[in-house]
């Protein structure tokens, strides 16, 4: 039996990911602009940001839940 068509916009089928707010590492401003997202090849998604307040550029990475604890222990 064929699966019924489900529109992509159906919120019941969107993935749920934890949101961890972050701030600019230079001025602590809370609203960065994301200008590039790179993903694929088994590497976590990397997002490039630019602070709208001071212009500082920086990166963030998207970690799987199981990798998050290990990353925090190594980097904090």
PDB file of N, CA and C in Angstrom:
ATOM      1  N   UNK A   1       0.836  -1.174   0.000  1.00  0.00           N
ATOM      2  CA  UNK A   1       0.000   0.000   0.000  1.00  0.00           C
ATOM      3  C   UNK A   1       0.887   1.246   0.000  1.00  0.00           C
ATOM      4  N   UNK A   2       0.567   2.221  -0.811  1.00  0.00           N
ATOM      5  CA  UNK A   2       1.341   3.455  -0.893  1.00  0.00           C
ATOM      6  C   UNK A   2       1.091   4.334   0.320  1.00  0.00           C
ATOM      7  N   UNK A   3       2.151   5.037   0.730  1.00  0.00           N
ATOM      8  CA  UNK A   3       2.024   5.991   1.831  1.00  0.00           C
ATOM      9  C   UNK A   3       1.230   7.203   1.344  1.00  0.00           C
ATOM     10  N   UNK A   4       0.400   7.793   2.199  1.00  0.00           N
ATOM     11  CA  UNK A   4      -0.330   8.989   1.772  1.00  0.00           C
ATOM     12  C   UNK A   4       0.627  10.166   1.619  1.00  0.00           C
ATOM     13  N   UNK A   5       0.279  11.063   0.712  1.00  0.00           N
ATOM     14  CA  UNK A   5       1.090  12.254   0.498  1.00  0.00           C
ATOM     15  C   UNK A   5       0.971  13.161   1.717  1.00  0.00           C
ATOM     16  N   UNK A   6       2.109  13.600   2.227  1.00  0.00           N
ATOM     17  CA  UNK A   6       2.134  14.526   3.368  1.00  0.00           C
ATOM     18  C   UNK A   6       2.897  15.763   2.933  1.00  0.00           C
ATOM     19  N   UNK A   7       2.248  16.918   2.944  1.00  0.00           N
ATOM     20  CA  UNK A   7       2.961  18.130   2.536  1.00  0.00           C
ATOM     21  C   UNK A   7       4.117  18.438   3.468  1.00  0.00           C
ATOM     22  N   UNK A   8       5.200  18.985   2.913  1.00  0.00           N
ATOM     23  CA  UNK A   8       6.383  19.322   3.704  1.00  0.00           C
ATOM     24  C   UNK A   8       6.064  20.316   4.808  1.00  0.00           C
ATOM     25  N   UNK A   9       5.071  21.160   4.603  1.00  0.00           N
ATOM     26  CA  UNK A   9       4.745  22.209   5.561  1.00  0.00           C
ATOM     27  C   UNK A   9       4.027  21.663   6.801  1.00  0.00           C
ATOM     28  N   UNK A  10       3.641  20.392   6.795  1.00  0.00           N
ATOM     29  CA  UNK A  10       2.902  19.821   7.921  1.00  0.00           C
ATOM     30  C   UNK A  10       3.801  19.774   9.154  1.00  0.00           C
ATOM     31  N   UNK A  11       3.501  20.596  10.145  1.00  0.00           N
ATOM     32  CA  UNK A  11       4.349  20.734  11.321  1.00  0.00           C
ATOM     33  C   UNK A  11       4.473  19.452  12.135  1.00  0.00           C
ATOM     34  N   UNK A  12       3.528  18.542  11.996  1.00  0.00           N
ATOM     35  CA  UNK A  12       3.609  17.286  12.758  1.00  0.00           C
ATOM     36  C   UNK A  12       4.816  16.449  12.349  1.00  0.00           C
ATOM     37  N   UNK A  13       5.365  16.676  11.175  1.00  0.00           N
ATOM     38  CA  UNK A  13       6.448  15.852  10.664  1.00  0.00           C
ATOM     39  C   UNK A  13       7.792  16.565  10.632  1.00  0.00           C
ATOM     40  N   UNK A  14       7.870  17.764  11.181  1.00  0.00           N
ATOM     41  CA  UNK A  14       9.141  18.478  11.225  1.00  0.00           C
ATOM     42  C   UNK A  14      10.010  17.915  12.338  1.00  0.00           C
ATOM     43  N   UNK A  15      11.325  17.864  12.152  1.00  0.00           N
ATOM     44  CA  UNK A  15      12.208  17.378  13.216  1.00  0.00           C
ATOM     45  C   UNK A  15      12.219  18.366  14.384  1.00  0.00           C
ATOM     46  N   UNK A  16      12.419  17.842  15.574  1.00  0.00           N
ATOM     47  CA  UNK A  16      12.504  18.676  16.768  1.00  0.00           C
ATOM     48  C   UNK A  16      13.954  18.696  17.214  1.00  0.00           C
ATOM     49  N   UNK A  17      14.508  19.882  17.349  1.00  0.00           N
ATOM     50  CA  UNK A  17      15.896  20.032  17.776  1.00  0.00           C
ATOM     51  C   UNK A  17      15.948  20.990  18.958  1.00  0.00           C
ATOM     52  N   UNK A  18      16.879  20.771  19.879  1.00  0.00           N
ATOM     53  CA  UNK A  18      16.976  21.701  21.012  1.00  0.00           C
ATOM     54  C   UNK A  18      17.509  23.047  20.549  1.00  0.00           C
ATOM     55  N   UNK A  19      16.959  24.106  21.086  1.00  0.00           N
ATOM     56  CA  UNK A  19      17.432  25.437  20.757  1.00  0.00           C
ATOM     57  C   UNK A  19      18.334  25.916  21.880  1.00  0.00           C
ATOM     58  N   UNK A  20      19.528  26.307  21.510  1.00  0.00           N
ATOM     59  CA  UNK A  20      20.463  26.830  22.492  1.00  0.00           C
ATOM     60  C   UNK A  20      20.833  28.236  22.052  1.00  0.00           C
ATOM     61  N   UNK A  21      20.255  29.257  22.687  1.00  0.00           N
ATOM     62  CA  UNK A  21      20.574  30.618  22.269  1.00  0.00           C
ATOM     63  C   UNK A  21      22.053  30.912  22.437  1.00  0.00           C
ATOM     64  N   UNK A  22      22.592  31.697  21.556  1.00  0.00           N
ATOM     65  CA  UNK A  22      24.002  32.052  21.658  1.00  0.00           C
ATOM     66  C   UNK A  22      24.158  33.531  21.399  1.00  0.00           C
ATOM     67  N   UNK A  23      25.306  34.027  21.758  1.00  0.00           N
ATOM     68  CA  UNK A  23      25.593  35.449  21.633  1.00  0.00           C
ATOM     69  C   UNK A  23      26.927  35.631  20.916  1.00  0.00           C
ATOM     70  N   UNK A  24      27.127  36.825  20.417  1.00  0.00           N
ATOM     71  CA  UNK A  24      28.389  37.170  19.774  1.00  0.00           C
ATOM     72  C   UNK A  24      29.516  37.004  20.788  1.00  0.00           C
ATOM     73  N   UNK A  25      30.592  36.326  20.411  1.00  0.00           N
ATOM     74  CA  UNK A  25      31.699  36.149  21.352  1.00  0.00           C
ATOM     75  C   UNK A  25      32.436  37.446  21.668  1.00  0.00           C
ATOM     76  N   UNK A  26      32.285  38.478  20.837  1.00  0.00           N
ATOM     77  CA  UNK A  26      32.997  39.736  21.068  1.00  0.00           C
ATOM     78  C   UNK A  26      32.202  40.708  21.939  1.00  0.00           C
ATOM     79  N   UNK A  27      30.909  40.938  21.585  1.00  0.00           N
ATOM     80  CA  UNK A  27      30.144  41.974  22.295  1.00  0.00           C
ATOM     81  C   UNK A  27      28.941  41.436  23.055  1.00  0.00           C
ATOM     82  N   UNK A  28      28.676  40.133  22.936  1.00  0.00           N
ATOM     83  CA  UNK A  28      27.573  39.458  23.626  1.00  0.00           C
ATOM     84  C   UNK A  28      26.187  39.831  23.081  1.00  0.00           C
ATOM     85  N   UNK A  29      26.120  40.456  21.906  1.00  0.00           N
ATOM     86  CA  UNK A  29      24.842  40.788  21.278  1.00  0.00           C
ATOM     87  C   UNK A  29      24.115  39.488  20.923  1.00  0.00           C
ATOM     88  N   UNK A  30      22.793  39.461  21.094  1.00  0.00           N
ATOM     89  CA  UNK A  30      22.038  38.210  20.990  1.00  0.00           C
ATOM     90  C   UNK A  30      21.408  37.927  19.628  1.00  0.00           C
ATOM     91  N   UNK A  31      21.577  38.774  18.637  1.00  0.00           N
ATOM     92  CA  UNK A  31      20.904  38.521  17.363  1.00  0.00           C
ATOM     93  C   UNK A  31      21.890  38.519  16.202  1.00  0.00           C
ATOM     94  N   UNK A  32      22.564  37.386  15.986  1.00  0.00           N
ATOM     95  CA  UNK A  32      23.503  37.318  14.862  1.00  0.00           C
ATOM     96  C   UNK A  32      22.767  37.117  13.544  1.00  0.00           C
ATOM     97  N   UNK A  33      23.403  37.468  12.472  1.00  0.00           N
ATOM     98  CA  UNK A  33      22.877  37.193  11.132  1.00  0.00           C
ATOM     99  C   UNK A  33      23.617  35.969  10.606  1.00  0.00           C
ATOM    100  N   UNK A  34      22.876  34.954  10.184  1.00  0.00           N
ATOM    101  CA  UNK A  34      23.474  33.766   9.591  1.00  0.00           C
ATOM    102  C   UNK A  34      23.566  33.999   8.093  1.00  0.00           C
ATOM    103  N   UNK A  35      24.777  33.872   7.534  1.00  0.00           N
ATOM    104  CA  UNK A  35      24.928  34.146   6.107  1.00  0.00           C
ATOM    105  C   UNK A  35      25.360  32.947   5.288  1.00  0.00           C
ATOM    106  N   UNK A  36      25.789  31.851   5.901  1.00  0.00           N
ATOM    107  CA  UNK A  36      26.153  30.643   5.166  1.00  0.00           C
ATOM    108  C   UNK A  36      25.885  29.427   6.038  1.00  0.00           C
ATOM    109  N   UNK A  37      25.380  28.360   5.415  1.00  0.00           N
ATOM    110  CA  UNK A  37      25.212  27.078   6.105  1.00  0.00           C
ATOM    111  C   UNK A  37      25.867  26.030   5.223  1.00  0.00           C
ATOM    112  N   UNK A  38      26.808  25.292   5.795  1.00  0.00           N
ATOM    113  CA  UNK A  38      27.484  24.208   5.060  1.00  0.00           C
ATOM    114  C   UNK A  38      27.189  22.906   5.774  1.00  0.00           C
ATOM    115  N   UNK A  39      26.778  21.896   4.991  1.00  0.00           N
ATOM    116  CA  UNK A  39      26.501  20.602   5.584  1.00  0.00           C
ATOM    117  C   UNK A  39      26.753  19.491   4.584  1.00  0.00           C
ATOM    118  N   UNK A  40      26.894  18.281   5.104  1.00  0.00           N
ATOM    119  CA  UNK A  40      27.086  17.130   4.244  1.00  0.00           C
ATOM    120  C   UNK A  40      28.404  16.426   4.517  1.00  0.00           C
ATOM    121  N   UNK A  41      28.550  15.256   3.933  1.00  0.00           N
ATOM    122  CA  UNK A  41      29.780  14.503   4.067  1.00  0.00           C
ATOM    123  C   UNK A  41      30.007  13.941   5.456  1.00  0.00           C
ATOM    124  N   UNK A  42      28.939  13.729   6.223  1.00  0.00           N
ATOM    125  CA  UNK A  42      29.088  13.175   7.555  1.00  0.00           C
ATOM    126  C   UNK A  42      29.653  14.156   8.579  1.00  0.00           C
ATOM    127  N   UNK A  43      29.770  15.418   8.201  1.00  0.00           N
ATOM    128  CA  UNK A  43      30.305  16.454   9.091  1.00  0.00           C
ATOM    129  C   UNK A  43      29.122  17.267   9.612  1.00  0.00           C
ATOM    130  N   UNK A  44      29.146  17.665  10.890  1.00  0.00           N
ATOM    131  CA  UNK A  44      28.030  18.475  11.404  1.00  0.00           C
ATOM    132  C   UNK A  44      27.850  19.759  10.599  1.00  0.00           C
ATOM    133  N   UNK A  45      26.604  20.214  10.507  1.00  0.00           N
ATOM    134  CA  UNK A  45      26.319  21.467   9.797  1.00  0.00           C
ATOM    135  C   UNK A  45      27.069  22.607  10.476  1.00  0.00           C
ATOM    136  N   UNK A  46      27.693  23.440   9.672  1.00  0.00           N
ATOM    137  CA  UNK A  46      28.417  24.606  10.168  1.00  0.00           C
ATOM    138  C   UNK A  46      27.722  25.855   9.651  1.00  0.00           C
ATOM    139  N   UNK A  47      27.417  26.747  10.550  1.00  0.00           N
ATOM    140  CA  UNK A  47      26.776  28.003  10.175  1.00  0.00           C
ATOM    141  C   UNK A  47      27.750  29.153  10.416  1.00  0.00           C
ATOM    142  N   UNK A  48      27.811  30.065   9.476  1.00  0.00           N
ATOM    143  CA  UNK A  48      28.670  31.236   9.595  1.00  0.00           C
ATOM    144  C   UNK A  48      27.787  32.430   9.936  1.00  0.00           C
ATOM    145  N   UNK A  49      28.191  33.174  10.945  1.00  0.00           N
ATOM    146  CA  UNK A  49      27.392  34.291  11.441  1.00  0.00           C
ATOM    147  C   UNK A  49      28.205  35.583  11.411  1.00  0.00           C
ATOM    148  N   UNK A  50      27.472  36.679  11.389  1.00  0.00           N
ATOM    149  CA  UNK A  50      28.078  37.995  11.519  1.00  0.00           C
ATOM    150  C   UNK A  50      27.208  38.793  12.488  1.00  0.00           C
ATOM    151  N   UNK A  51      27.835  39.339  13.509  1.00  0.00           N
ATOM    152  CA  UNK A  51      27.121  40.119  14.515  1.00  0.00           C
ATOM    153  C   UNK A  51      26.585  41.403  13.887  1.00  0.00           C
ATOM    154  N   UNK A  52      25.324  41.679  14.098  1.00  0.00           N
ATOM    155  CA  UNK A  52      24.718  42.891  13.559  1.00  0.00           C
ATOM    156  C   UNK A  52      25.092  44.121  14.380  1.00  0.00           C
ATOM    157  N   UNK A  53      25.664  43.906  15.556  1.00  0.00           N
ATOM    158  CA  UNK A  53      26.046  45.010  16.425  1.00  0.00           C
ATOM    159  C   UNK A  53      27.492  45.467  16.178  1.00  0.00           C
ATOM    160  N   UNK A  54      28.449  44.514  16.230  1.00  0.00           N
ATOM    161  CA  UNK A  54      29.861  44.908  16.136  1.00  0.00           C
ATOM    162  C   UNK A  54      30.568  44.426  14.862  1.00  0.00           C
ATOM    163  N   UNK A  55      29.919  43.553  14.071  1.00  0.00           N
ATOM    164  CA  UNK A  55      30.521  43.085  12.828  1.00  0.00           C
ATOM    165  C   UNK A  55      31.411  41.853  12.961  1.00  0.00           C
ATOM    166  N   UNK A  56      31.598  41.331  14.182  1.00  0.00           N
ATOM    167  CA  UNK A  56      32.417  40.132  14.405  1.00  0.00           C
ATOM    168  C   UNK A  56      31.830  38.955  13.632  1.00  0.00           C
ATOM    169  N   UNK A  57      32.686  38.183  12.980  1.00  0.00           N
ATOM    170  CA  UNK A  57      32.256  36.966  12.282  1.00  0.00           C
ATOM    171  C   UNK A  57      32.675  35.755  13.103  1.00  0.00           C
ATOM    172  N   UNK A  58      31.814  34.731  13.125  1.00  0.00           N
ATOM    173  CA  UNK A  58      32.118  33.508  13.866  1.00  0.00           C
ATOM    174  C   UNK A  58      31.277  32.362  13.323  1.00  0.00           C
ATOM    175  N   UNK A  59      31.590  31.134  13.759  1.00  0.00           N
ATOM    176  CA  UNK A  59      30.906  29.937  13.287  1.00  0.00           C
ATOM    177  C   UNK A  59      30.195  29.254  14.443  1.00  0.00           C
ATOM    178  N   UNK A  60      29.153  28.480  14.102  1.00  0.00           N
ATOM    179  CA  UNK A  60      28.520  27.590  15.063  1.00  0.00           C
ATOM    180  C   UNK A  60      28.372  26.236  14.373  1.00  0.00           C
ATOM    181  N   UNK A  61      28.315  25.177  15.155  1.00  0.00           N
ATOM    182  CA  UNK A  61      28.138  23.839  14.588  1.00  0.00           C
ATOM    183  C   UNK A  61      26.905  23.192  15.203  1.00  0.00           C
ATOM    184  N   UNK A  62      26.274  22.327  14.428  1.00  0.00           N
ATOM    185  CA  UNK A  62      25.089  21.614  14.876  1.00  0.00           C
ATOM    186  C   UNK A  62      25.515  20.225  15.321  1.00  0.00           C
ATOM    187  N   UNK A  63      25.342  19.942  16.597  1.00  0.00           N
ATOM    188  CA  UNK A  63      25.766  18.662  17.142  1.00  0.00           C
ATOM    189  C   UNK A  63      24.582  17.748  17.388  1.00  0.00           C
ATOM    190  N   UNK A  64      24.803  16.446  17.218  1.00  0.00           N
ATOM    191  CA  UNK A  64      23.790  15.466  17.586  1.00  0.00           C
ATOM    192  C   UNK A  64      23.717  15.411  19.102  1.00  0.00           C
ATOM    193  N   UNK A  65      22.564  15.018  19.598  1.00  0.00           N
ATOM    194  CA  UNK A  65      22.347  14.966  21.036  1.00  0.00           C
ATOM    195  C   UNK A  65      23.443  14.173  21.753  1.00  0.00           C
ATOM    196  N   UNK A  66      23.838  13.030  21.200  1.00  0.00           N
ATOM    197  CA  UNK A  66      24.834  12.186  21.865  1.00  0.00           C
ATOM    198  C   UNK A  66      26.231  12.819  21.853  1.00  0.00           C
ATOM    199  N   UNK A  67      26.481  13.714  20.905  1.00  0.00           N
ATOM    200  CA  UNK A  67      27.787  14.368  20.831  1.00  0.00           C
ATOM    201  C   UNK A  67      27.859  15.642  21.670  1.00  0.00           C
ATOM    202  N   UNK A  68      26.710  16.182  22.048  1.00  0.00           N
ATOM    203  CA  UNK A  68      26.681  17.463  22.743  1.00  0.00           C
ATOM    204  C   UNK A  68      27.377  17.419  24.096  1.00  0.00           C
ATOM    205  N   UNK A  69      27.103  16.408  24.884  1.00  0.00           N
ATOM    206  CA  UNK A  69      27.708  16.314  26.219  1.00  0.00           C
ATOM    207  C   UNK A  69      29.232  16.235  26.124  1.00  0.00           C
ATOM    208  N   UNK A  70      29.739  15.413  25.227  1.00  0.00           N
ATOM    209  CA  UNK A  70      31.187  15.272  25.065  1.00  0.00           C
ATOM    210  C   UNK A  70      31.812  16.589  24.609  1.00  0.00           C
ATOM    211  N   UNK A  71      31.143  17.304  23.709  1.00  0.00           N
ATOM    212  CA  UNK A  71      31.679  18.578  23.220  1.00  0.00           C
ATOM    213  C   UNK A  71      31.727  19.602  24.351  1.00  0.00           C
ATOM    214  N   UNK A  72      30.678  19.669  25.153  1.00  0.00           N
ATOM    215  CA  UNK A  72      30.631  20.622  26.253  1.00  0.00           C
ATOM    216  C   UNK A  72      31.743  20.316  27.247  1.00  0.00           C
ATOM    217  N   UNK A  73      31.959  19.041  27.577  1.00  0.00           N
ATOM    218  CA  UNK A  73      33.011  18.661  28.522  1.00  0.00           C
ATOM    219  C   UNK A  73      34.388  19.038  28.008  1.00  0.00           C
ATOM    220  N   UNK A  74      34.610  18.917  26.693  1.00  0.00           N
ATOM    221  CA  UNK A  74      35.917  19.263  26.113  1.00  0.00           C
ATOM    222  C   UNK A  74      36.150  20.754  26.017  1.00  0.00           C
ATOM    223  N   UNK A  75      35.090  21.518  25.771  1.00  0.00           N
ATOM    224  CA  UNK A  75      35.256  22.935  25.434  1.00  0.00           C
ATOM    225  C   UNK A  75      34.834  23.925  26.508  1.00  0.00           C
ATOM    226  N   UNK A  76      34.370  23.471  27.626  1.00  0.00           N
ATOM    227  CA  UNK A  76      33.940  24.423  28.672  1.00  0.00           C
ATOM    228  C   UNK A  76      34.850  24.338  29.870  1.00  0.00           C
TER     229      UNK A  76
END
